[in-house]
Protein backbone atom coordinates (compact mmCIF):
# COMPACT_ATOMS: atom_id res chain seq x y z
CA GLN A 1 -74.10 -230.81 114.62
CA VAL A 2 -71.30 -228.26 113.60
CA GLN A 3 -69.92 -229.16 110.20
CA LEU A 4 -66.84 -227.34 108.76
CA VAL A 5 -65.76 -227.15 105.12
CA GLU A 6 -62.53 -225.78 104.09
CA SER A 7 -61.65 -224.35 100.91
CA GLY A 8 -58.64 -222.50 99.29
CA GLY A 9 -55.49 -224.44 99.43
CA GLY A 10 -53.24 -225.17 96.43
CA SER A 11 -49.61 -224.89 95.18
CA VAL A 12 -47.61 -221.69 95.18
CA GLN A 13 -43.99 -220.87 95.00
CA ALA A 14 -42.20 -219.58 97.98
CA GLY A 15 -43.01 -215.68 98.66
CA GLY A 16 -46.73 -216.45 97.23
CA SER A 17 -50.14 -216.15 98.84
CA LEU A 18 -53.28 -218.27 99.66
CA ARG A 19 -56.38 -217.59 101.30
CA LEU A 20 -58.13 -220.42 103.06
CA SER A 21 -61.66 -220.21 104.01
CA CYS A 22 -63.70 -222.27 106.60
CA ALA A 23 -67.45 -222.34 106.10
CA ALA A 24 -69.42 -223.46 109.45
CA SER A 25 -72.87 -224.58 109.62
CA GLY A 26 -74.93 -225.99 112.43
CA VAL A 27 -73.25 -223.83 114.97
CA THR A 28 -75.53 -223.22 118.18
CA GLN A 29 -73.04 -221.48 120.58
CA SER A 30 -73.46 -217.96 120.40
CA ARG A 31 -69.44 -217.74 120.78
CA ASN A 32 -66.98 -219.95 119.70
CA CYS A 33 -63.16 -220.23 119.37
CA MET A 34 -62.43 -220.92 115.65
CA GLY A 35 -59.05 -221.95 114.39
CA TRP A 36 -56.70 -223.41 111.93
CA PHE A 37 -54.48 -226.29 112.52
CA ARG A 38 -51.85 -227.67 110.19
CA GLN A 39 -50.08 -231.09 109.88
CA ALA A 40 -47.13 -231.62 107.96
CA SER A 41 -46.21 -235.05 106.78
CA GLY A 42 -44.61 -236.94 109.81
CA LYS A 43 -45.23 -234.12 112.17
CA GLU A 44 -47.57 -233.44 114.97
CA ARG A 45 -50.76 -231.27 114.45
CA GLU A 46 -49.83 -227.60 114.99
CA GLY A 47 -52.11 -224.92 116.06
CA VAL A 48 -51.65 -221.90 113.58
CA ALA A 49 -54.09 -219.29 114.43
CA ALA A 50 -57.61 -218.83 116.24
CA ILE A 51 -60.18 -216.10 116.81
CA VAL A 52 -63.50 -215.93 118.85
CA THR A 53 -66.62 -215.52 116.43
CA GLY A 54 -70.07 -214.58 117.52
CA GLY A 55 -71.55 -212.68 120.43
CA GLU A 56 -69.99 -209.56 121.76
CA SER A 57 -66.28 -210.88 121.82
CA ALA A 58 -66.34 -211.36 118.08
CA GLY A 59 -62.65 -210.81 116.67
CA GLU A 60 -61.08 -210.99 120.11
CA GLY A 61 -58.85 -213.42 121.58
CA THR A 62 -57.02 -213.61 118.32
CA TYR A 63 -53.81 -216.07 118.37
CA TYR A 64 -51.06 -216.75 116.05
CA ALA A 65 -48.32 -219.24 116.27
CA ASP A 66 -44.81 -217.74 116.36
CA SER A 67 -44.03 -219.32 112.98
CA VAL A 68 -46.82 -217.32 111.23
CA LYS A 69 -46.97 -214.02 113.08
CA GLY A 70 -46.64 -211.26 110.52
CA ARG A 71 -47.53 -213.50 107.47
CA PHE A 72 -51.04 -214.72 108.30
CA THR A 73 -54.01 -212.92 109.05
CA LEU A 74 -57.23 -214.53 110.29
CA TYR A 75 -60.49 -212.60 109.78
CA GLN A 76 -64.29 -213.38 109.92
CA GLU A 77 -66.60 -212.50 106.78
CA LYS A 78 -69.73 -212.51 108.65
CA ARG A 79 -72.04 -211.84 105.60
CA LYS A 80 -70.48 -215.15 104.41
CA ASN A 81 -70.44 -217.06 107.75
CA THR A 82 -66.92 -217.93 106.92
CA MET A 83 -63.54 -217.69 108.48
CA ASN A 84 -60.61 -216.81 106.65
CA LEU A 85 -56.80 -217.22 106.99
CA GLN A 86 -55.03 -214.89 104.61
CA MET A 87 -51.26 -216.47 104.24
CA ASN A 88 -48.85 -214.19 102.55
CA SER A 89 -45.08 -214.65 102.25
CA LEU A 90 -45.46 -218.44 102.30
CA LYS A 91 -42.43 -220.68 102.82
CA PRO A 92 -41.79 -224.24 102.13
CA GLU A 93 -41.96 -225.22 105.84
CA ASP A 94 -45.63 -224.04 105.44
CA THR A 95 -46.57 -226.96 103.39
CA ALA A 96 -48.96 -229.03 105.26
CA MET A 97 -52.90 -230.12 105.36
CA TYR A 98 -54.54 -227.34 107.18
CA TYR A 99 -57.62 -227.88 109.14
CA CYS A 100 -60.46 -225.69 110.27
CA ALA A 101 -61.55 -226.44 114.04
CA ALA A 102 -64.17 -225.18 116.47
CA ALA A 103 -63.89 -225.07 120.30
CA LEU A 104 -65.41 -223.37 123.33
CA TRP A 105 -64.69 -219.64 123.17
CA TYR A 106 -62.21 -219.62 125.92
CA GLU A 107 -59.70 -221.80 124.22
CA CYS A 108 -58.79 -218.93 122.11
CA TYR A 109 -57.53 -217.19 125.34
CA ARG A 110 -55.10 -219.93 126.90
CA GLY A 111 -51.98 -218.56 124.85
CA SER A 112 -51.59 -221.80 122.83
CA LEU A 113 -53.99 -224.06 120.74
CA ARG A 114 -54.65 -227.55 122.13
CA ALA A 115 -55.90 -229.79 119.38
CA GLU A 116 -57.69 -232.10 121.81
CA SER A 117 -59.82 -229.13 123.11
CA PHE A 118 -61.35 -228.50 119.64
CA THR A 119 -64.33 -230.73 119.02
CA SER A 120 -65.37 -230.37 115.43
CA TRP A 121 -62.92 -230.52 112.73
CA GLY A 122 -63.07 -230.06 108.73
CA GLN A 123 -61.74 -232.45 106.15
CA GLY A 124 -58.81 -230.35 105.53
CA THR A 125 -57.24 -228.71 102.41
CA GLN A 126 -53.67 -228.89 101.22
CA VAL A 127 -51.21 -226.34 101.00
CA SER A 128 -47.89 -226.85 98.97
CA VAL A 129 -45.30 -224.40 98.92
CA SER A 130 -42.21 -224.83 96.42
CA SER A 131 -38.75 -223.29 96.84
C-alpha cells in the first residue's frame, strides 16, 4: 500500500518561498505520476503540478497549472525518495491545504490533473500566505 507523507507547509508573507516535500513508501509500480493538489477553503481541489517518477521516464511529463507556472518547480530527490515542490513568489491566493498524490504514470501526460485518477493521497500540509 502506497503511503505519502507531506511536510514543509507553513505561513509566509507574499513574495516569500516555501518548499514542500512528499515522502513515498510502499510504491510497487516502476513508474508513477506523482503530483501536488491544493484545496482552498470553499473551493474545489486543484491540480498544481505533477511529474513522472521512476523508470526511464523519470522527470518527464512535468505539468504545472497556469496559475503557478514560473513560480513553482517540481523535482524529485532520488537519494531521499522524496518529491519536492519549491514555491517562490507566493501570493495570498496560493493559500490552501496542499496534498501529495500518486497515480498511474500516464496521468502526467493528459495536459491536466484529474483528482479522481489519483489513487493514493497524503494527509495534506497547510500553506498560508499573508498580504
